Amino acid sequence: MTDVVITGLGATSPLGGDVSSTWEGALAGRSGVRTFDNDWVEQYDLPVHFSGQLAVPTAEVLSRPETRRMDPSAQMAMVAAREAWADAGSPEVDHDRLGAVVSSGIGGIWTLLNGWDTMKEKGAGRVLPMSVPMLMPNSPAAYVSLEFKARAGAHAPVSACASGAEAIGTAFEMIQSGRADIVIAGGTEAATHPLPIAAFAAMAALSKRNNDPQGASRPYDTSRDGFVLGEGSGIVVVESAEHAKARGARVYARLLGLGMTADGHHIAAPEPNGTGQTKAMQFALERAGITTTDVSHVNAHATSTPVGDMIEARGIRGLLGSHADSVLLSATKSMTGHLLGGAGALESVFTIKALAERTAPPTINVTEPDPELEVDLVRDTPRALPADGQLAAINNSFGFGGHNVALVFGTA
């Protein structure tokens, strides 16, 4: 079996415009959520007035022609991909052995809805010629593959909020199957548009703490009332260990295992017993060839919804048993909001950084933990992971439609 490693990291998020500032913000327990500074709320009478918005707009990083031909979702992916590739050493590669897997849960919704408004107001002749290439869900993957001439395959698995994690899992399988030596992989989302906000609010999925936006994402707190929408991208460079060693690459972590299941239960609600979630974690550990006692850290999906948080927490406790007392649990959406298709990728970056620095990032806004929570939640300030030996960590991502993805990473 081919060993797989992570050699590059990239991100743009509500906490920062790159990995360094994003990770620094997470360790500081800072919220990237803020109130909208435009006229959306009044114009559309939105019930939610805030989201996790990019700390550094893509227009400050990309050229004007790039922002004109790419939907914001692809723009964010490009910012993160360029950082990840540079971080990996901008390796000389056989482009037939280089792949790109970049996912979005919703795709180019800004392009789609703005284009429809343009057509209604000004006619078909004013619709942008590049509208379809911009709005298609595989647009971020396509643009990344074009940028780096990745010809081993360009893929965009769409599985709602599990999309970014599934993209990294697809990269893992591309390398283990021998299709590629390096894959640029991750997720992106730019859905802080009035329509998704109104739609999620209509589902009673969003927090409505308009008077306290930075305290609105409260995973595992008894007063949690829904998730906070976020935007951004996380990208990692996934590489075979042999290829990385041959070029003398720095290795952040090993990608050890992947587990994927489906609930087959409901289009939006998780299966109440969390059976599919637990099986995804079990499969990932089995594929990694490790046991539950090897796990030191879990970056939970934990969106801050009243029902979903505890289903996952019970599954983690049930899987780990008494060893759960020795595992540090982090819920980083408390700081970034929920990046939907980008969440699993950004949280993979957090998980990899946690292993590399042996530090678990905090969960903020938890003033009264749910009494059912039986895992050691890292609250408010970072906590050290074991200083010696090999460590393993699980990153969970679950999506509407019952998609469950678990990734297992190990120290380098």
Protein backbone atom coordinates (compact mmCIF):
# COMPACT_ATOMS: atom_id res chain seq x y z
CA MET A 1 0.00 0.00 0.00
CA THR A 2 1.33 3.43 -0.97
CA ASP A 3 2.03 5.74 1.96
CA VAL A 4 0.47 9.20 1.56
CA VAL A 5 1.68 12.46 3.10
CA ILE A 6 0.75 16.14 3.23
CA THR A 7 3.47 18.48 1.94
CA GLY A 8 1.69 21.81 1.43
CA LEU A 9 -1.07 23.84 3.09
CA GLY A 10 -3.14 26.77 1.85
CA ALA A 11 -6.16 28.66 3.17
CA THR A 12 -8.20 31.81 3.06
CA SER A 13 -10.83 32.11 5.74
CA PRO A 14 -12.76 34.41 8.06
CA LEU A 15 -9.74 34.27 10.39
CA GLY A 16 -7.04 35.20 7.90
CA GLY A 17 -5.91 35.36 4.30
CA ASP A 18 -3.45 32.48 4.60
CA VAL A 19 -2.65 29.47 6.76
CA SER A 20 -0.40 31.34 9.18
CA SER A 21 -2.93 34.05 10.06
CA THR A 22 -5.83 31.59 10.07
CA TRP A 23 -4.03 29.24 12.47
CA GLU A 24 -2.87 32.14 14.61
CA GLY A 25 -6.46 33.36 14.87
CA ALA A 26 -7.68 29.89 15.80
CA LEU A 27 -5.09 29.49 18.55
CA ALA A 28 -6.05 32.92 19.86
CA GLY A 29 -9.69 31.84 20.06
CA ARG A 30 -10.75 34.71 17.82
CA SER A 31 -14.08 34.80 16.01
CA GLY A 32 -14.14 35.62 12.29
CA VAL A 33 -17.89 36.29 12.32
CA ARG A 34 -19.22 39.80 11.78
CA THR A 35 -22.37 41.71 10.87
CA PHE A 36 -22.99 42.48 7.19
CA ASP A 37 -21.92 45.97 6.17
CA ASN A 38 -24.16 46.16 3.09
CA ASP A 39 -27.86 46.76 2.53
CA TRP A 40 -28.92 43.11 2.31
CA VAL A 41 -30.63 42.90 5.63
CA GLU A 42 -32.93 45.86 5.05
CA GLN A 43 -33.47 45.22 1.34
CA TYR A 44 -34.58 41.60 1.76
CA ASP A 45 -35.69 41.70 5.40
CA LEU A 46 -33.22 38.92 6.22
CA PRO A 47 -33.73 37.20 9.58
CA VAL A 48 -29.93 36.69 9.98
CA HIS A 49 -27.61 39.69 9.85
CA PHE A 50 -24.13 38.12 10.02
CA SER A 51 -21.76 35.46 8.72
CA GLY A 52 -18.13 34.38 8.73
CA GLN A 53 -16.76 36.59 5.93
CA LEU A 54 -13.30 36.44 4.37
CA ALA A 55 -10.70 38.31 6.38
CA VAL A 56 -8.86 39.26 3.17
CA PRO A 57 -11.01 39.80 0.06
CA THR A 58 -9.82 37.89 -2.99
CA ALA A 59 -9.64 41.16 -4.95
CA GLU A 60 -6.66 42.11 -2.78
CA VAL A 61 -4.79 38.97 -3.86
CA LEU A 62 -5.87 38.14 -7.41
CA SER A 63 -5.65 40.27 -10.54
CA ARG A 64 -8.73 42.03 -11.89
CA PRO A 65 -8.97 39.76 -14.96
CA GLU A 66 -8.92 36.72 -12.64
CA THR A 67 -11.74 38.03 -10.46
CA ARG A 68 -13.79 38.86 -13.57
CA ARG A 69 -13.56 35.37 -15.06
CA MET A 70 -13.92 33.33 -11.86
CA ASP A 71 -16.84 32.99 -9.47
CA PRO A 72 -15.88 33.88 -5.88
CA SER A 73 -15.81 30.16 -5.02
CA ALA A 74 -13.07 29.57 -7.62
CA GLN A 75 -11.28 32.75 -6.59
CA MET A 76 -11.00 31.51 -3.00
CA ALA A 77 -9.79 28.11 -4.15
CA MET A 78 -7.14 29.72 -6.34
CA VAL A 79 -5.81 31.84 -3.46
CA ALA A 80 -5.52 28.77 -1.22
CA ALA A 81 -4.14 26.51 -3.97
CA ARG A 82 -1.34 28.92 -4.88
CA GLU A 83 -0.32 29.15 -1.24
CA ALA A 84 -0.40 25.36 -0.81
CA TRP A 85 1.66 24.78 -3.95
CA ALA A 86 4.27 27.36 -2.95
CA ASP A 87 4.32 25.89 0.56
CA ALA A 88 5.05 22.47 -0.97
CA GLY A 89 8.10 23.98 -2.70
CA SER A 90 6.49 24.54 -6.12
CA PRO A 91 7.81 21.12 -7.14
CA GLU A 92 8.91 20.17 -10.61
CA VAL A 93 6.44 17.47 -11.57
CA ASP A 94 5.36 15.20 -14.37
CA HIS A 95 2.06 16.91 -15.13
CA ASP A 96 0.55 13.61 -16.25
CA ARG A 97 1.07 12.47 -12.62
CA LEU A 98 -0.43 15.60 -11.03
CA GLY A 99 -4.11 15.75 -10.10
CA ALA A 100 -6.58 18.34 -8.81
CA VAL A 101 -9.62 17.61 -6.64
CA VAL A 102 -11.41 20.72 -5.44
CA SER A 103 -15.00 20.61 -4.25
CA SER A 104 -17.80 23.04 -3.52
CA GLY A 105 -21.07 22.14 -1.88
CA ILE A 106 -23.12 24.78 -3.71
CA GLY A 107 -20.92 26.03 -6.56
CA GLY A 108 -21.07 29.39 -8.30
CA ILE A 109 -24.24 30.73 -6.76
CA TRP A 110 -23.14 34.36 -7.05
CA THR A 111 -22.60 33.97 -10.79
CA LEU A 112 -25.89 32.13 -11.26
CA LEU A 113 -28.09 34.54 -9.34
CA ASN A 114 -26.36 37.71 -10.54
CA GLY A 115 -26.66 36.44 -14.12
CA TRP A 116 -30.36 35.80 -13.67
CA ASP A 117 -30.84 39.31 -12.27
CA THR A 118 -28.94 40.75 -15.24
CA MET A 119 -31.09 38.85 -17.72
CA LYS A 120 -34.34 39.92 -16.08
CA GLU A 121 -33.29 43.57 -15.86
CA LYS A 122 -31.26 44.08 -19.05
CA GLY A 123 -32.01 41.15 -21.37
CA ALA A 124 -30.23 38.05 -22.61
CA GLY A 125 -27.65 40.01 -24.55
CA ARG A 126 -26.07 41.31 -21.34
CA VAL A 127 -25.44 37.88 -19.79
CA LEU A 128 -21.72 37.20 -19.42
CA PRO A 129 -20.38 34.75 -22.04
CA MET A 130 -18.40 32.91 -19.35
CA SER A 131 -21.39 32.45 -17.04
CA VAL A 132 -21.64 28.67 -17.36
CA PRO A 133 -17.90 27.96 -16.85
CA MET A 134 -18.05 30.27 -13.83
CA LEU A 135 -21.15 28.82 -12.16
CA MET A 136 -20.53 25.11 -12.72
CA PRO A 137 -19.62 23.26 -9.48
CA ASN A 138 -16.42 21.87 -11.01
CA SER A 139 -15.19 25.36 -11.90
CA PRO A 140 -12.77 25.61 -8.93
CA ALA A 141 -11.28 22.20 -9.75
CA ALA A 142 -11.01 23.13 -13.41
CA TYR A 143 -9.27 26.43 -12.74
CA VAL A 144 -6.83 24.81 -10.30
CA SER A 145 -6.05 22.07 -12.81
CA LEU A 146 -5.45 24.68 -15.51
CA GLU A 147 -3.24 26.78 -13.25
CA PHE A 148 -0.93 23.87 -12.40
CA LYS A 149 -1.43 21.79 -15.57
CA ALA A 150 -2.77 18.87 -13.56
CA ARG A 151 -3.52 16.18 -16.13
CA ALA A 152 -3.87 13.06 -13.98
CA GLY A 153 -7.47 14.08 -13.35
CA ALA A 154 -9.56 17.03 -12.22
CA HIS A 155 -12.47 16.11 -9.97
CA ALA A 156 -15.13 17.85 -7.90
CA PRO A 157 -17.03 15.43 -5.65
CA VAL A 158 -20.13 17.20 -4.36
CA SER A 159 -21.45 15.96 -1.03
CA ALA A 160 -22.74 19.13 0.64
CA CYS A 161 -20.83 19.90 3.84
CA ALA A 162 -18.65 16.81 3.44
CA SER A 163 -17.38 17.88 0.01
CA GLY A 164 -13.99 19.28 1.05
CA ALA A 165 -13.14 16.21 3.09
CA GLU A 166 -14.28 13.90 0.30
CA ALA A 167 -12.01 15.80 -2.09
CA ILE A 168 -9.01 15.05 0.13
CA GLY A 169 -10.20 11.45 0.38
CA THR A 170 -10.40 11.25 -3.41
CA ALA A 171 -6.83 12.54 -3.63
CA PHE A 172 -5.78 9.84 -1.15
CA GLU A 173 -7.34 7.18 -3.36
CA MET A 174 -5.84 8.63 -6.55
CA ILE A 175 -2.37 8.24 -5.06
CA GLN A 176 -2.98 4.83 -3.51
CA SER A 177 -4.36 3.51 -6.80
CA GLY A 178 -1.28 4.73 -8.67
CA ARG A 179 -3.09 7.35 -10.77
CA ALA A 180 -1.05 10.27 -9.45
CA ASP A 181 2.06 11.17 -7.46
CA ILE A 182 0.76 14.55 -6.24
CA VAL A 183 -2.77 15.91 -5.94
CA ILE A 184 -3.85 19.44 -5.07
CA ALA A 185 -7.01 18.87 -3.04
CA GLY A 186 -9.54 20.62 -0.85
CA GLY A 187 -12.76 22.57 -0.81
CA THR A 188 -14.16 26.04 -1.25
CA GLU A 189 -17.40 27.89 -0.70
CA ALA A 190 -18.68 31.39 -1.39
CA ALA A 191 -22.35 31.22 -0.49
CA THR A 192 -22.83 34.27 1.75
CA HIS A 193 -25.52 35.49 -0.62
CA PRO A 194 -28.99 36.58 0.57
CA LEU A 195 -30.77 33.58 -0.97
CA PRO A 196 -28.82 30.81 0.85
CA ILE A 197 -29.04 32.83 4.06
CA ALA A 198 -32.81 33.15 3.69
CA ALA A 199 -33.14 29.48 2.75
CA PHE A 200 -31.03 28.15 5.62
CA ALA A 201 -32.89 30.44 8.01
CA ALA A 202 -36.23 29.13 6.71
CA MET A 203 -35.02 25.63 7.62
CA ALA A 204 -34.31 26.91 11.15
CA ALA A 205 -30.69 25.84 10.56
CA LEU A 206 -28.99 29.20 11.25
CA SER A 207 -28.35 30.93 14.54
CA LYS A 208 -30.30 34.18 14.81
CA ARG A 209 -28.15 35.82 17.49
CA ASN A 210 -28.06 39.12 15.62
CA ASN A 211 -27.15 40.97 18.81
CA ASP A 212 -24.09 38.76 19.38
CA PRO A 213 -22.70 37.51 16.03
CA GLN A 214 -19.27 36.55 17.38
CA GLY A 215 -20.91 34.45 20.07
CA ALA A 216 -23.46 32.83 17.75
CA SER A 217 -21.57 29.63 16.84
CA ARG A 218 -21.69 27.65 20.09
CA PRO A 219 -20.95 23.94 19.50
CA TYR A 220 -22.01 21.74 22.42
CA ASP A 221 -23.34 24.67 24.44
CA THR A 222 -26.80 24.20 25.93
CA SER A 223 -27.92 27.46 24.30
CA ARG A 224 -26.79 26.58 20.73
CA ASP A 225 -29.44 27.54 18.20
CA GLY A 226 -27.97 26.83 14.76
CA PHE A 227 -24.87 27.21 12.64
CA VAL A 228 -23.23 30.37 11.32
CA LEU A 229 -22.62 30.52 7.57
CA GLY A 230 -18.96 31.01 6.60
CA GLU A 231 -16.91 31.31 3.43
CA GLY A 232 -13.39 30.47 2.34
CA SER A 233 -11.17 27.66 1.15
CA GLY A 234 -8.72 25.11 2.44
CA ILE A 235 -6.30 23.31 0.11
CA VAL A 236 -3.64 20.68 0.83
CA VAL A 237 -0.96 19.10 -1.33
CA VAL A 238 -1.33 15.34 -1.05
CA GLU A 239 1.66 13.31 -2.19
CA SER A 240 3.01 9.80 -2.16
CA ALA A 241 5.64 9.44 0.55
CA GLU A 242 8.09 8.02 -1.97
CA HIS A 243 7.72 11.01 -4.29
CA ALA A 244 8.01 13.46 -1.41
CA LYS A 245 11.16 11.75 -0.12
CA ALA A 246 12.76 11.74 -3.56
CA ARG A 247 12.44 15.50 -3.88
CA GLY A 248 13.36 16.22 -0.26
CA ALA A 249 9.98 17.70 0.63
CA ARG A 250 8.99 18.77 4.11
CA VAL A 251 6.16 16.59 5.42
CA TYR A 252 3.51 18.06 7.72
CA ALA A 253 1.63 14.86 8.41
CA ARG A 254 0.64 11.49 7.03
CA LEU A 255 -2.80 10.85 5.59
CA LEU A 256 -3.51 7.42 7.00
CA GLY A 257 -7.13 6.54 6.40
CA LEU A 258 -10.45 7.41 4.81
CA GLY A 259 -13.94 6.29 5.79
CA MET A 260 -17.10 7.16 3.86
CA THR A 261 -20.70 6.10 4.47
CA ALA A 262 -24.23 7.34 3.82
CA ASP A 263 -27.11 7.49 6.28
CA GLY A 264 -29.92 6.65 3.85
CA HIS A 265 -32.21 8.44 6.29
CA HIS A 266 -33.20 12.04 5.42
CA ILE A 267 -32.25 14.78 2.98
CA ALA A 268 -31.17 17.15 5.76
CA ALA A 269 -31.37 15.56 9.21
CA PRO A 270 -28.66 13.13 10.41
CA GLU A 271 -29.66 9.59 11.32
CA PRO A 272 -30.57 9.88 15.03
CA ASN A 273 -28.26 7.13 16.25
CA GLY A 274 -25.27 8.39 14.26
CA THR A 275 -24.61 4.87 12.97
CA GLY A 276 -23.24 6.03 9.62
CA GLN A 277 -21.02 8.62 11.24
CA THR A 278 -19.55 6.06 13.63
CA LYS A 279 -18.98 3.57 10.80
CA ALA A 280 -17.14 6.21 8.77
CA MET A 281 -14.76 6.76 11.69
CA GLN A 282 -14.35 3.00 12.18
CA PHE A 283 -13.61 2.43 8.50
CA ALA A 284 -11.06 5.25 8.48
CA LEU A 285 -9.23 3.79 11.50
CA GLU A 286 -9.29 0.29 9.99
CA ARG A 287 -7.90 1.55 6.71
CA ALA A 288 -5.23 3.45 8.63
CA GLY A 289 -4.26 0.24 10.39
CA ILE A 290 -4.56 1.79 13.84
CA THR A 291 -6.86 1.40 16.83
CA THR A 292 -8.90 3.85 18.86
CA THR A 293 -6.16 4.03 21.50
CA ASP A 294 -3.85 5.63 18.92
CA VAL A 295 -6.18 8.63 18.56
CA SER A 296 -5.23 11.78 20.50
CA HIS A 297 -7.37 14.44 18.83
CA VAL A 298 -10.64 14.89 16.96
CA ASN A 299 -11.65 17.95 14.95
CA ALA A 300 -15.41 17.52 15.08
CA HIS A 301 -17.96 18.48 12.46
CA ALA A 302 -19.89 20.16 15.30
CA THR A 303 -21.87 22.86 13.51
CA SER A 304 -23.68 24.24 16.60
CA THR A 305 -27.09 22.77 15.78
CA PRO A 306 -29.25 21.56 18.67
CA VAL A 307 -29.56 17.98 17.35
CA GLY A 308 -26.47 17.31 15.22
CA ASP A 309 -23.76 18.16 17.74
CA MET A 310 -24.71 15.51 20.27
CA ILE A 311 -25.30 12.78 17.69
CA GLU A 312 -21.68 13.15 16.65
CA ALA A 313 -20.43 13.48 20.24
CA ARG A 314 -22.19 10.29 21.30
CA GLY A 315 -20.72 8.53 18.27
CA ILE A 316 -17.19 9.66 19.16
CA ARG A 317 -17.65 8.52 22.76
CA GLY A 318 -19.14 5.21 21.66
CA LEU A 319 -16.29 4.58 19.24
CA LEU A 320 -13.47 5.55 21.60
CA GLY A 321 -14.97 4.14 24.80
CA SER A 322 -13.01 4.94 27.94
CA HIS A 323 -10.10 6.16 25.77
CA ALA A 324 -12.27 9.20 24.96
CA ASP A 325 -11.11 10.63 28.29
CA SER A 326 -7.62 10.93 26.77
CA VAL A 327 -8.74 12.52 23.49
CA LEU A 328 -8.91 16.28 22.98
CA LEU A 329 -11.97 17.44 21.01
CA SER A 330 -11.97 20.72 19.05
CA ALA A 331 -14.88 22.38 17.26
CA THR A 332 -13.30 25.09 15.14
CA LYS A 333 -16.52 26.18 13.42
CA SER A 334 -17.08 28.17 16.60
CA MET A 335 -14.49 30.60 15.19
CA THR A 336 -14.86 30.34 11.40
CA GLY A 337 -18.51 29.59 10.96
CA HIS A 338 -19.54 26.72 8.69
CA LEU A 339 -17.80 26.83 5.30
CA LEU A 340 -20.14 24.17 3.86
CA GLY A 341 -18.18 22.53 1.02
CA GLY A 342 -14.98 24.16 2.27
CA ALA A 343 -15.41 23.10 5.90
CA GLY A 344 -13.84 19.65 5.79
CA ALA A 345 -10.82 20.98 3.91
CA LEU A 346 -10.15 23.95 6.20
CA GLU A 347 -10.64 21.70 9.21
CA SER A 348 -8.19 19.23 7.71
CA VAL A 349 -5.68 22.09 7.66
CA PHE A 350 -6.44 22.69 11.34
CA THR A 351 -6.06 18.98 12.11
CA ILE A 352 -2.74 18.77 10.28
CA LYS A 353 -1.44 21.88 12.06
CA ALA A 354 -2.59 20.45 15.39
CA LEU A 355 -0.53 17.30 14.81
CA ALA A 356 2.48 19.17 13.44
CA GLU A 357 2.56 21.53 16.43
CA ARG A 358 1.10 19.03 18.91
CA THR A 359 -1.47 21.61 19.93
CA ALA A 360 -5.26 21.28 19.83
CA PRO A 361 -7.06 24.52 18.92
CA PRO A 362 -9.83 25.79 21.19
CA THR A 363 -13.60 25.83 20.93
CA ILE A 364 -15.05 29.21 21.84
CA ASN A 365 -18.47 30.37 23.08
CA VAL A 366 -19.12 27.30 25.23
CA THR A 367 -20.25 28.74 28.55
CA GLU A 368 -22.47 25.85 29.62
CA PRO A 369 -21.47 22.53 28.00
CA ASP A 370 -24.25 20.11 27.18
CA PRO A 371 -24.43 17.67 30.11
CA GLU A 372 -24.47 14.77 27.62
CA LEU A 373 -21.02 15.70 26.30
CA GLU A 374 -18.64 12.96 27.42
CA VAL A 375 -15.52 13.90 25.46
CA ASP A 376 -12.81 16.30 26.66
CA LEU A 377 -13.68 19.54 24.86
CA VAL A 378 -10.86 22.06 24.41
CA ARG A 379 -12.43 25.33 25.53
CA ASP A 380 -11.24 28.92 25.08
CA THR A 381 -7.48 28.28 25.00
CA PRO A 382 -5.31 25.74 23.12
CA ARG A 383 -4.14 22.60 24.87
CA ALA A 384 -1.04 20.51 24.30
CA LEU A 385 -1.22 17.10 22.67
CA PRO A 386 1.24 14.42 23.87
CA ALA A 387 4.80 15.63 23.30
CA ASP A 388 6.29 12.24 22.42
CA GLY A 389 5.52 9.41 20.05
CA GLN A 390 3.33 9.07 17.00
CA LEU A 391 -0.09 10.72 17.18
CA ALA A 392 -3.24 10.25 15.15
CA ALA A 393 -6.23 12.55 14.72
CA ILE A 394 -9.67 12.25 13.13
CA ASN A 395 -11.35 14.98 11.11
CA ASN A 396 -15.11 14.49 10.71
CA SER A 397 -17.31 16.01 8.00
CA PHE A 398 -21.01 15.28 7.50
CA GLY A 399 -23.35 16.74 4.88
CA PHE A 400 -26.99 17.16 3.89
CA GLY A 401 -28.15 14.01 2.18
CA GLY A 402 -26.51 11.81 4.81
CA HIS A 403 -22.92 12.01 3.54
CA ASN A 404 -20.36 10.99 6.18
CA VAL A 405 -16.59 11.37 5.69
CA ALA A 406 -13.85 10.72 8.24
CA LEU A 407 -10.16 11.33 7.57
CA VAL A 408 -7.37 10.03 9.80
CA PHE A 409 -4.08 11.92 9.87
CA GLY A 410 -0.87 10.98 11.68
CA THR A 411 2.24 12.84 12.73
CA ALA A 412 5.04 12.94 10.21
